[in-house]
Amino acid sequence: ASSLAALDAMLTPVGKQVRAANLPENDPKFLNCQPYGFVREVTNPLPMRISRDGEHLLVRYEEWSLLRPIYMDGRPHPQHRTPSLLGHSVGRIENGVLIVATALVTPGWISDGSRAGHSAELTAVERYSVRDNPRRLELTLTLTDPTMFTAPLVATKTWLYPPDVEIVQDTCSQQPGKP
């Protein structure tokens, strides 16, 4: 509960209004079988695979069977582009860490538990590190959204490496709780 209190203290007045309006019954996760957006997707506990796609990377998420390109050629975010569910991501490798900057994301929820939201002003920086013993992928996600937060919000997530797990095609009918 202390992390929720810390989050509450970081919310702007607009952020507090959005959180109050984000009731469980209007959660896009359960309405019309719609994927629920960037922050919840990148922190999802289900398997994902990051692979090379030419000079770029492609993230395949099991949840919602979404694909996300990460451009590794140094390009900037486009100036004139409509925001999208997973936004526009550019990345680089620095000291063995994959650093991904994402912008142009449509507004969405931060997490199921907090019901806090983010606006289209959101920018995110993901730092992915591979660790051993046990083999795992660690993510530090920094969210900056001056419309919703008074300071950057930092979240962490760890996935254990399951060598025998295959990513399956996700459909609403396969998942309990999805319509």
N, C-alpha and C. Protein backbone atom coordinates (compact mmCIF):
# COMPACT_ATOMS: atom_id res chain seq x y z
N ALA A 1 0.83 -1.20 0.00
CA ALA A 1 0.00 0.00 0.00
C ALA A 1 0.87 1.25 0.00
N SER A 2 2.10 1.16 0.50
CA SER A 2 2.96 2.34 0.55
C SER A 2 3.32 2.81 -0.85
N SER A 3 3.44 1.89 -1.82
CA SER A 3 3.75 2.33 -3.19
C SER A 3 2.56 3.09 -3.78
N LEU A 4 1.33 2.71 -3.41
CA LEU A 4 0.16 3.46 -3.88
C LEU A 4 0.14 4.85 -3.26
N ALA A 5 0.52 4.96 -2.00
CA ALA A 5 0.59 6.26 -1.34
C ALA A 5 1.65 7.13 -2.01
N ALA A 6 2.79 6.53 -2.33
CA ALA A 6 3.86 7.26 -3.01
C ALA A 6 3.37 7.73 -4.39
N LEU A 7 2.65 6.86 -5.10
CA LEU A 7 2.12 7.23 -6.41
C LEU A 7 1.11 8.37 -6.26
N ASP A 8 0.21 8.25 -5.29
CA ASP A 8 -0.77 9.32 -5.04
C ASP A 8 -0.09 10.66 -4.84
N ALA A 9 1.00 10.66 -4.10
CA ALA A 9 1.72 11.90 -3.80
C ALA A 9 2.34 12.51 -5.05
N MET A 10 2.58 11.69 -6.08
CA MET A 10 3.20 12.15 -7.33
C MET A 10 2.19 12.62 -8.37
N LEU A 11 0.90 12.34 -8.15
CA LEU A 11 -0.10 12.68 -9.17
C LEU A 11 -0.39 14.17 -9.18
N THR A 12 -0.48 14.73 -10.38
CA THR A 12 -0.92 16.12 -10.53
C THR A 12 -2.43 16.15 -10.29
N PRO A 13 -3.04 17.33 -10.21
CA PRO A 13 -4.50 17.37 -10.10
C PRO A 13 -5.20 16.62 -11.24
N VAL A 14 -4.70 16.77 -12.46
CA VAL A 14 -5.28 16.02 -13.59
C VAL A 14 -5.07 14.53 -13.38
N GLY A 15 -3.90 14.13 -12.92
CA GLY A 15 -3.62 12.72 -12.65
C GLY A 15 -4.57 12.13 -11.63
N LYS A 16 -4.90 12.92 -10.60
CA LYS A 16 -5.84 12.46 -9.58
C LYS A 16 -7.25 12.31 -10.15
N GLN A 17 -7.65 13.24 -11.03
CA GLN A 17 -8.97 13.14 -11.68
C GLN A 17 -9.05 11.89 -12.55
N VAL A 18 -7.99 11.63 -13.32
CA VAL A 18 -7.98 10.46 -14.20
C VAL A 18 -8.05 9.18 -13.37
N ARG A 19 -7.26 9.13 -12.30
CA ARG A 19 -7.27 7.94 -11.45
C ARG A 19 -8.66 7.70 -10.86
N ALA A 20 -9.34 8.75 -10.41
CA ALA A 20 -10.68 8.61 -9.84
C ALA A 20 -11.68 8.10 -10.89
N ALA A 21 -11.47 8.48 -12.15
CA ALA A 21 -12.38 8.07 -13.23
C ALA A 21 -12.08 6.67 -13.76
N ASN A 22 -10.88 6.17 -13.52
CA ASN A 22 -10.48 4.84 -14.02
C ASN A 22 -11.02 3.75 -13.10
N LEU A 23 -12.28 3.46 -13.22
CA LEU A 23 -12.91 2.43 -12.39
C LEU A 23 -12.70 1.06 -13.02
N PRO A 24 -12.67 0.01 -12.20
CA PRO A 24 -12.45 -1.33 -12.76
C PRO A 24 -13.41 -1.67 -13.90
N GLU A 25 -14.65 -1.19 -13.81
CA GLU A 25 -15.62 -1.54 -14.87
C GLU A 25 -15.36 -0.82 -16.19
N ASN A 26 -14.52 0.23 -16.22
CA ASN A 26 -14.16 0.82 -17.52
C ASN A 26 -12.73 0.48 -17.92
N ASP A 27 -12.18 -0.54 -17.32
CA ASP A 27 -10.84 -0.99 -17.68
C ASP A 27 -10.87 -1.55 -19.10
N PRO A 28 -10.08 -0.97 -20.03
CA PRO A 28 -10.08 -1.49 -21.41
C PRO A 28 -9.68 -2.96 -21.50
N LYS A 29 -8.98 -3.46 -20.48
CA LYS A 29 -8.56 -4.86 -20.46
C LYS A 29 -9.78 -5.78 -20.53
N PHE A 30 -10.89 -5.34 -19.95
CA PHE A 30 -12.07 -6.20 -19.90
C PHE A 30 -13.19 -5.75 -20.83
N LEU A 31 -13.02 -4.63 -21.50
CA LEU A 31 -14.05 -4.12 -22.40
C LEU A 31 -13.71 -4.47 -23.83
N ASN A 32 -14.60 -5.09 -24.52
CA ASN A 32 -14.48 -5.32 -25.97
C ASN A 32 -13.20 -6.04 -26.38
N CYS A 33 -12.58 -6.75 -25.45
CA CYS A 33 -11.37 -7.51 -25.78
C CYS A 33 -10.33 -6.64 -26.48
N GLN A 34 -10.02 -5.49 -25.89
CA GLN A 34 -9.07 -4.55 -26.47
C GLN A 34 -7.73 -4.65 -25.76
N PRO A 35 -6.62 -4.68 -26.49
CA PRO A 35 -5.32 -4.59 -25.82
C PRO A 35 -5.28 -3.32 -24.98
N TYR A 36 -4.57 -3.36 -23.86
CA TYR A 36 -4.71 -2.28 -22.90
C TYR A 36 -3.56 -1.30 -22.85
N GLY A 37 -2.65 -1.34 -23.73
CA GLY A 37 -1.70 -0.24 -23.84
C GLY A 37 -0.28 -0.50 -23.41
N PHE A 38 0.54 0.50 -23.64
CA PHE A 38 2.00 0.41 -23.56
C PHE A 38 2.51 -0.03 -22.19
N VAL A 39 2.20 0.70 -21.12
CA VAL A 39 2.84 0.43 -19.83
C VAL A 39 2.47 -0.96 -19.33
N ARG A 40 1.19 -1.32 -19.42
CA ARG A 40 0.77 -2.63 -18.95
C ARG A 40 1.33 -3.75 -19.84
N GLU A 41 1.55 -3.46 -21.11
CA GLU A 41 2.10 -4.48 -22.00
C GLU A 41 3.58 -4.73 -21.68
N VAL A 42 4.36 -3.67 -21.53
CA VAL A 42 5.81 -3.88 -21.32
C VAL A 42 6.12 -4.43 -19.93
N THR A 43 5.18 -4.34 -18.99
CA THR A 43 5.41 -4.90 -17.65
C THR A 43 4.62 -6.18 -17.43
N ASN A 44 4.02 -6.72 -18.48
CA ASN A 44 3.18 -7.92 -18.38
C ASN A 44 4.01 -9.14 -17.99
N PRO A 45 3.49 -10.00 -17.12
CA PRO A 45 4.27 -11.17 -16.70
C PRO A 45 4.34 -12.30 -17.73
N LEU A 46 3.50 -12.29 -18.75
CA LEU A 46 3.53 -13.37 -19.74
C LEU A 46 4.81 -13.30 -20.57
N PRO A 47 5.15 -14.40 -21.23
CA PRO A 47 6.40 -14.43 -22.02
C PRO A 47 6.41 -13.39 -23.14
N MET A 48 7.62 -12.99 -23.49
CA MET A 48 7.86 -12.13 -24.65
C MET A 48 9.18 -12.58 -25.27
N ARG A 49 9.38 -12.21 -26.50
CA ARG A 49 10.63 -12.55 -27.18
C ARG A 49 11.14 -11.30 -27.88
N ILE A 50 12.40 -10.97 -27.66
CA ILE A 50 13.05 -9.86 -28.35
C ILE A 50 14.00 -10.49 -29.36
N SER A 51 13.81 -10.16 -30.63
CA SER A 51 14.65 -10.77 -31.67
C SER A 51 15.12 -9.70 -32.65
N ARG A 52 16.16 -10.04 -33.40
CA ARG A 52 16.65 -9.14 -34.45
C ARG A 52 15.69 -9.17 -35.62
N ASP A 53 15.51 -8.00 -36.22
CA ASP A 53 14.72 -7.86 -37.44
C ASP A 53 15.54 -6.95 -38.34
N GLY A 54 16.49 -7.56 -39.09
CA GLY A 54 17.46 -6.75 -39.83
C GLY A 54 18.34 -6.02 -38.83
N GLU A 55 18.46 -4.68 -38.98
CA GLU A 55 19.27 -3.92 -38.03
C GLU A 55 18.45 -3.50 -36.81
N HIS A 56 17.17 -3.78 -36.82
CA HIS A 56 16.29 -3.36 -35.74
C HIS A 56 15.94 -4.56 -34.85
N LEU A 57 15.16 -4.29 -33.80
CA LEU A 57 14.66 -5.35 -32.92
C LEU A 57 13.15 -5.43 -33.04
N LEU A 58 12.62 -6.61 -32.77
CA LEU A 58 11.18 -6.82 -32.77
C LEU A 58 10.83 -7.52 -31.46
N VAL A 59 9.90 -6.93 -30.71
CA VAL A 59 9.43 -7.55 -29.47
C VAL A 59 8.09 -8.20 -29.78
N ARG A 60 8.00 -9.48 -29.49
CA ARG A 60 6.74 -10.21 -29.66
C ARG A 60 6.22 -10.54 -28.27
N TYR A 61 5.08 -9.96 -27.94
CA TYR A 61 4.44 -10.19 -26.64
C TYR A 61 3.40 -11.28 -26.78
N GLU A 62 3.40 -12.22 -25.82
CA GLU A 62 2.35 -13.23 -25.83
C GLU A 62 1.01 -12.57 -25.54
N GLU A 63 0.97 -11.70 -24.54
CA GLU A 63 -0.28 -11.02 -24.19
C GLU A 63 -0.76 -10.21 -25.39
N TRP A 64 -1.94 -10.50 -25.86
CA TRP A 64 -2.59 -9.85 -27.01
C TRP A 64 -1.88 -10.14 -28.34
N SER A 65 -0.80 -10.94 -28.34
CA SER A 65 -0.06 -11.26 -29.57
C SER A 65 0.39 -9.99 -30.30
N LEU A 66 0.87 -9.02 -29.55
CA LEU A 66 1.30 -7.76 -30.15
C LEU A 66 2.77 -7.82 -30.57
N LEU A 67 3.09 -7.07 -31.62
CA LEU A 67 4.46 -6.92 -32.12
C LEU A 67 4.86 -5.46 -32.00
N ARG A 68 6.09 -5.24 -31.53
CA ARG A 68 6.58 -3.87 -31.34
C ARG A 68 7.97 -3.73 -31.92
N PRO A 69 8.12 -2.91 -32.98
CA PRO A 69 9.47 -2.67 -33.50
C PRO A 69 10.22 -1.67 -32.63
N ILE A 70 11.52 -1.91 -32.50
CA ILE A 70 12.43 -0.97 -31.84
C ILE A 70 13.50 -0.62 -32.87
N TYR A 71 13.52 0.64 -33.27
CA TYR A 71 14.45 1.08 -34.32
C TYR A 71 15.81 1.36 -33.69
N MET A 72 16.83 0.68 -34.23
CA MET A 72 18.18 0.73 -33.65
C MET A 72 19.16 1.54 -34.50
N ASP A 73 18.66 2.32 -35.47
CA ASP A 73 19.54 3.02 -36.41
C ASP A 73 19.79 4.48 -36.06
N GLY A 74 19.43 4.89 -34.84
CA GLY A 74 19.71 6.26 -34.42
C GLY A 74 18.69 7.28 -34.84
N ARG A 75 17.60 6.86 -35.47
CA ARG A 75 16.59 7.82 -35.92
C ARG A 75 15.90 8.47 -34.71
N PRO A 76 15.42 9.70 -34.88
CA PRO A 76 14.65 10.33 -33.81
C PRO A 76 13.18 9.87 -33.89
N HIS A 77 12.40 10.23 -32.87
CA HIS A 77 10.95 10.01 -32.97
C HIS A 77 10.43 10.96 -34.04
N PRO A 78 9.44 10.53 -34.83
CA PRO A 78 8.90 11.42 -35.87
C PRO A 78 8.22 12.64 -35.24
N GLN A 79 8.28 13.75 -35.94
CA GLN A 79 7.67 15.00 -35.45
C GLN A 79 6.15 14.95 -35.57
N HIS A 80 5.67 14.44 -36.68
CA HIS A 80 4.23 14.47 -36.95
C HIS A 80 3.74 13.05 -37.14
N ARG A 81 3.28 12.46 -36.05
CA ARG A 81 2.76 11.11 -36.14
C ARG A 81 1.67 10.98 -35.09
N THR A 82 0.63 10.28 -35.47
CA THR A 82 -0.46 10.03 -34.53
C THR A 82 0.01 9.04 -33.47
N PRO A 83 -0.26 9.30 -32.19
CA PRO A 83 0.11 8.33 -31.16
C PRO A 83 -0.55 6.97 -31.42
N SER A 84 0.10 5.91 -30.97
CA SER A 84 -0.42 4.56 -31.15
C SER A 84 -0.31 3.79 -29.84
N LEU A 85 -0.91 2.61 -29.81
CA LEU A 85 -1.00 1.80 -28.60
C LEU A 85 0.37 1.56 -27.96
N LEU A 86 1.37 1.18 -28.76
CA LEU A 86 2.71 0.90 -28.23
C LEU A 86 3.70 2.01 -28.55
N GLY A 87 3.24 3.08 -29.19
CA GLY A 87 4.09 4.23 -29.44
C GLY A 87 5.17 3.98 -30.47
N HIS A 88 6.17 4.84 -30.48
CA HIS A 88 7.32 4.76 -31.39
C HIS A 88 8.57 4.57 -30.52
N SER A 89 9.31 3.49 -30.77
CA SER A 89 10.44 3.13 -29.91
C SER A 89 11.75 3.14 -30.69
N VAL A 90 12.75 3.78 -30.09
CA VAL A 90 14.11 3.78 -30.63
C VAL A 90 15.04 3.25 -29.55
N GLY A 91 16.06 2.50 -29.96
CA GLY A 91 16.90 1.88 -28.95
C GLY A 91 18.37 1.93 -29.30
N ARG A 92 19.17 1.58 -28.28
CA ARG A 92 20.62 1.47 -28.45
C ARG A 92 21.13 0.51 -27.37
N ILE A 93 22.30 -0.05 -27.61
CA ILE A 93 22.95 -0.90 -26.62
C ILE A 93 24.07 -0.07 -25.99
N GLU A 94 24.11 -0.05 -24.66
CA GLU A 94 25.13 0.71 -23.95
C GLU A 94 25.64 -0.16 -22.80
N ASN A 95 26.91 -0.54 -22.84
CA ASN A 95 27.50 -1.40 -21.80
C ASN A 95 26.67 -2.66 -21.55
N GLY A 96 26.21 -3.28 -22.63
CA GLY A 96 25.47 -4.53 -22.51
C GLY A 96 24.01 -4.36 -22.11
N VAL A 97 23.54 -3.13 -21.97
CA VAL A 97 22.16 -2.85 -21.58
C VAL A 97 21.41 -2.33 -22.80
N LEU A 98 20.22 -2.89 -23.05
CA LEU A 98 19.35 -2.37 -24.12
C LEU A 98 18.55 -1.21 -23.52
N ILE A 99 18.73 -0.02 -24.11
CA ILE A 99 18.02 1.17 -23.65
C ILE A 99 17.05 1.58 -24.76
N VAL A 100 15.76 1.65 -24.41
CA VAL A 100 14.71 1.94 -25.38
C VAL A 100 13.96 3.19 -24.93
N ALA A 101 13.86 4.17 -25.84
CA ALA A 101 13.08 5.39 -25.57
C ALA A 101 11.81 5.31 -26.40
N THR A 102 10.67 5.52 -25.75
CA THR A 102 9.38 5.42 -26.43
C THR A 102 8.59 6.71 -26.21
N ALA A 103 7.94 7.16 -27.28
CA ALA A 103 7.08 8.34 -27.23
C ALA A 103 5.89 8.06 -28.16
N LEU A 104 4.99 9.02 -28.23
CA LEU A 104 3.83 8.94 -29.14
C LEU A 104 2.93 7.75 -28.80
N VAL A 105 2.62 7.63 -27.50
CA VAL A 105 1.79 6.54 -27.00
C VAL A 105 0.39 7.09 -26.72
N THR A 106 -0.64 6.34 -27.09
CA THR A 106 -2.00 6.76 -26.76
C THR A 106 -2.20 6.66 -25.25
N PRO A 107 -3.05 7.51 -24.66
CA PRO A 107 -3.28 7.47 -23.21
C PRO A 107 -3.75 6.08 -22.76
N GLY A 108 -3.37 5.72 -21.54
CA GLY A 108 -3.75 4.41 -21.01
C GLY A 108 -3.54 4.33 -19.52
N TRP A 109 -3.70 3.14 -18.98
CA TRP A 109 -3.52 2.89 -17.56
C TRP A 109 -2.07 2.52 -17.29
N ILE A 110 -1.58 2.87 -16.08
CA ILE A 110 -0.23 2.51 -15.66
C ILE A 110 -0.22 1.05 -15.18
N SER A 111 -1.19 0.68 -14.35
CA SER A 111 -1.24 -0.69 -13.82
C SER A 111 -2.66 -1.01 -13.39
N ASP A 112 -2.92 -2.30 -13.23
CA ASP A 112 -4.24 -2.74 -12.78
C ASP A 112 -4.52 -2.23 -11.37
N GLY A 113 -3.55 -2.38 -10.48
CA GLY A 113 -3.77 -2.07 -9.07
C GLY A 113 -3.91 -0.59 -8.78
N SER A 114 -3.12 0.25 -9.44
CA SER A 114 -3.13 1.68 -9.10
C SER A 114 -4.27 2.43 -9.78
N ARG A 115 -4.70 1.95 -10.92
CA ARG A 115 -5.71 2.61 -11.76
C ARG A 115 -5.26 4.01 -12.22
N ALA A 116 -4.00 4.36 -11.96
CA ALA A 116 -3.48 5.64 -12.46
C ALA A 116 -3.34 5.56 -13.98
N GLY A 117 -3.38 6.71 -14.60
CA GLY A 117 -3.29 6.74 -16.05
C GLY A 117 -2.10 7.56 -16.52
N HIS A 118 -1.85 7.48 -17.81
CA HIS A 118 -0.86 8.37 -18.43
C HIS A 118 -1.52 9.04 -19.62
N SER A 119 -0.97 10.18 -20.01
CA SER A 119 -1.50 10.94 -21.14
C SER A 119 -0.68 10.64 -22.39
N ALA A 120 -1.03 11.29 -23.48
CA ALA A 120 -0.26 11.16 -24.72
C ALA A 120 1.09 11.88 -24.61
N GLU A 121 1.30 12.63 -23.52
CA GLU A 121 2.58 13.29 -23.28
C GLU A 121 3.63 12.33 -22.72
N LEU A 122 3.22 11.11 -22.41
CA LEU A 122 4.12 10.12 -21.80
C LEU A 122 5.37 9.90 -22.66
N THR A 123 6.52 9.89 -22.00
CA THR A 123 7.73 9.35 -22.61
C THR A 123 8.26 8.30 -21.64
N ALA A 124 8.83 7.27 -22.19
CA ALA A 124 9.30 6.16 -21.36
C ALA A 124 10.72 5.79 -21.77
N VAL A 125 11.51 5.40 -20.77
CA VAL A 125 12.84 4.85 -21.03
C VAL A 125 12.89 3.49 -20.35
N GLU A 126 13.13 2.46 -21.16
CA GLU A 126 13.26 1.09 -20.64
C GLU A 126 14.74 0.73 -20.67
N ARG A 127 15.21 0.11 -19.59
CA ARG A 127 16.58 -0.39 -19.52
C ARG A 127 16.49 -1.88 -19.25
N TYR A 128 16.89 -2.71 -20.22
CA TYR A 128 16.84 -4.16 -20.11
C TYR A 128 18.24 -4.72 -19.89
N SER A 129 18.41 -5.53 -18.84
CA SER A 129 19.68 -6.18 -18.55
C SER A 129 19.44 -7.67 -18.40
N VAL A 130 20.36 -8.48 -18.92
CA VAL A 130 20.30 -9.93 -18.73
C VAL A 130 21.22 -10.27 -17.57
N ARG A 131 20.71 -11.05 -16.63
CA ARG A 131 21.48 -11.49 -15.46
C ARG A 131 21.50 -13.02 -15.44
N ASP A 132 22.48 -13.57 -14.74
CA ASP A 132 22.58 -15.03 -14.62
C ASP A 132 22.40 -15.47 -13.18
N ASN A 133 22.21 -16.79 -13.03
CA ASN A 133 22.09 -17.45 -11.70
C ASN A 133 20.98 -16.88 -10.82
N PRO A 134 19.72 -17.06 -11.12
CA PRO A 134 19.19 -17.71 -12.32
C PRO A 134 19.15 -16.72 -13.50
N ARG A 135 19.08 -17.28 -14.71
CA ARG A 135 19.03 -16.45 -15.91
C ARG A 135 17.72 -15.69 -15.93
N ARG A 136 17.83 -14.38 -16.11
CA ARG A 136 16.63 -13.56 -16.07
C ARG A 136 16.85 -12.27 -16.85
N LEU A 137 15.73 -11.62 -17.18
CA LEU A 137 15.74 -10.33 -17.85
C LEU A 137 15.16 -9.32 -16.86
N GLU A 138 15.93 -8.27 -16.59
CA GLU A 138 15.48 -7.25 -15.65
C GLU A 138 15.19 -5.96 -16.40
N LEU A 139 14.05 -5.35 -16.08
CA LEU A 139 13.63 -4.10 -16.70
C LEU A 139 13.52 -3.02 -15.63
N THR A 140 14.09 -1.87 -15.92
CA THR A 140 13.81 -0.66 -15.15
C THR A 140 13.12 0.29 -16.13
N LEU A 141 11.89 0.68 -15.80
CA LEU A 141 11.05 1.50 -16.67
C LEU A 141 10.86 2.86 -15.99
N THR A 142 11.27 3.92 -16.68
CA THR A 142 11.09 5.27 -16.16
C THR A 142 10.06 5.98 -17.03
N LEU A 143 8.96 6.40 -16.38
CA LEU A 143 7.86 7.06 -17.08
C LEU A 143 7.85 8.53 -16.72
N THR A 144 7.85 9.39 -17.73
CA THR A 144 7.78 10.83 -17.53
C THR A 144 6.52 11.33 -18.22
N ASP A 145 5.66 12.00 -17.47
CA ASP A 145 4.40 12.51 -18.01
C ASP A 145 3.99 13.73 -17.20
N PRO A 146 4.41 14.94 -17.63
CA PRO A 146 4.13 16.13 -16.84
C PRO A 146 2.64 16.42 -16.65
N THR A 147 1.80 15.87 -17.52
CA THR A 147 0.36 16.05 -17.36
C THR A 147 -0.15 15.27 -16.14
N MET A 148 0.45 14.12 -15.86
CA MET A 148 -0.07 13.23 -14.82
C MET A 148 0.78 13.16 -13.56
N PHE A 149 2.13 13.32 -13.71
CA PHE A 149 3.04 13.11 -12.58
C PHE A 149 3.88 14.36 -12.32
N THR A 150 4.19 14.61 -11.05
CA THR A 150 5.04 15.74 -10.70
C THR A 150 6.52 15.38 -10.82
N ALA A 151 6.83 14.08 -10.96
CA ALA A 151 8.21 13.60 -11.10
C ALA A 151 8.17 12.30 -11.90
N PRO A 152 9.29 11.86 -12.45
CA PRO A 152 9.29 10.57 -13.16
C PRO A 152 8.90 9.42 -12.22
N LEU A 153 8.16 8.48 -12.78
CA LEU A 153 7.72 7.29 -12.05
C LEU A 153 8.60 6.14 -12.51
N VAL A 154 9.21 5.42 -11.57
CA VAL A 154 10.12 4.31 -11.92
C VAL A 154 9.49 3.00 -11.46
N ALA A 155 9.44 2.04 -12.38
CA ALA A 155 8.92 0.70 -12.07
C ALA A 155 9.97 -0.32 -12.49
N THR A 156 9.97 -1.48 -11.85
CA THR A 156 10.89 -2.56 -12.23
C THR A 156 10.10 -3.83 -12.47
N LYS A 157 10.66 -4.70 -13.29
CA LYS A 157 10.03 -5.98 -13.61
C LYS A 157 11.14 -6.97 -13.92
N THR A 158 10.98 -8.21 -13.49
CA THR A 158 11.95 -9.27 -13.79
C THR A 158 11.22 -10.47 -14.37
N TRP A 159 11.76 -11.00 -15.44
CA TRP A 159 11.25 -12.24 -16.04
C TRP A 159 12.33 -13.30 -15.89
N LEU A 160 11.98 -14.48 -15.40
CA LEU A 160 12.92 -15.60 -15.42
C LEU A 160 12.95 -16.18 -16.82
N TYR A 161 14.08 -16.72 -17.22
CA TYR A 161 14.23 -17.28 -18.55
C TYR A 161 13.74 -18.72 -18.56
N PRO A 162 12.64 -18.99 -19.27
CA PRO A 162 12.15 -20.36 -19.39
C PRO A 162 12.53 -20.92 -20.76
N PRO A 163 13.62 -21.68 -20.86
CA PRO A 163 14.13 -22.08 -22.18
C PRO A 163 13.14 -22.90 -23.02
N ASP A 164 12.22 -23.60 -22.38
CA ASP A 164 11.33 -24.48 -23.13
C ASP A 164 9.96 -23.86 -23.43
N VAL A 165 9.75 -22.62 -23.05
CA VAL A 165 8.44 -22.01 -23.24
C VAL A 165 8.33 -21.43 -24.64
N GLU A 166 7.25 -21.77 -25.32
CA GLU A 166 6.95 -21.19 -26.63
C GLU A 166 5.87 -20.14 -26.44
N ILE A 167 5.97 -19.05 -27.18
CA ILE A 167 4.94 -18.02 -27.14
C ILE A 167 3.74 -18.54 -27.93
N VAL A 168 2.57 -18.45 -27.33
CA VAL A 168 1.35 -18.92 -27.98
C VAL A 168 0.56 -17.74 -28.53
N GLN A 169 -0.32 -18.03 -29.48
CA GLN A 169 -1.21 -17.00 -30.02
C GLN A 169 -2.27 -16.70 -28.97
N ASP A 170 -2.39 -15.47 -28.56
CA ASP A 170 -3.33 -15.07 -27.51
C ASP A 170 -4.65 -14.64 -28.12
N THR A 171 -5.73 -15.20 -27.60
CA THR A 171 -7.07 -14.74 -27.99
C THR A 171 -7.89 -14.55 -26.73
N CYS A 172 -8.92 -13.76 -26.84
CA CYS A 172 -9.75 -13.49 -25.67
C CYS A 172 -10.35 -14.77 -25.11
N SER A 173 -10.76 -15.68 -25.97
CA SER A 173 -11.45 -16.87 -25.49
C SER A 173 -10.53 -17.81 -24.71
N GLN A 174 -9.19 -17.66 -24.88
CA GLN A 174 -8.25 -18.54 -24.18
C GLN A 174 -7.97 -18.08 -22.76
N GLN A 175 -8.23 -16.83 -22.46
CA GLN A 175 -7.80 -16.27 -21.18
C GLN A 175 -8.96 -16.10 -20.23
N PRO A 176 -8.88 -16.66 -19.04
CA PRO A 176 -9.93 -16.40 -18.06
C PRO A 176 -10.00 -14.91 -17.75
N GLY A 177 -11.20 -14.39 -17.67
CA GLY A 177 -11.35 -12.98 -17.36
C GLY A 177 -11.42 -12.11 -18.59
N LYS A 178 -11.05 -12.64 -19.75
CA LYS A 178 -11.20 -11.86 -20.97
C LYS A 178 -12.53 -12.27 -21.60
N PRO A 179 -13.30 -11.32 -22.10
CA PRO A 179 -14.60 -11.66 -22.70
C PRO A 179 -14.44 -12.49 -23.97
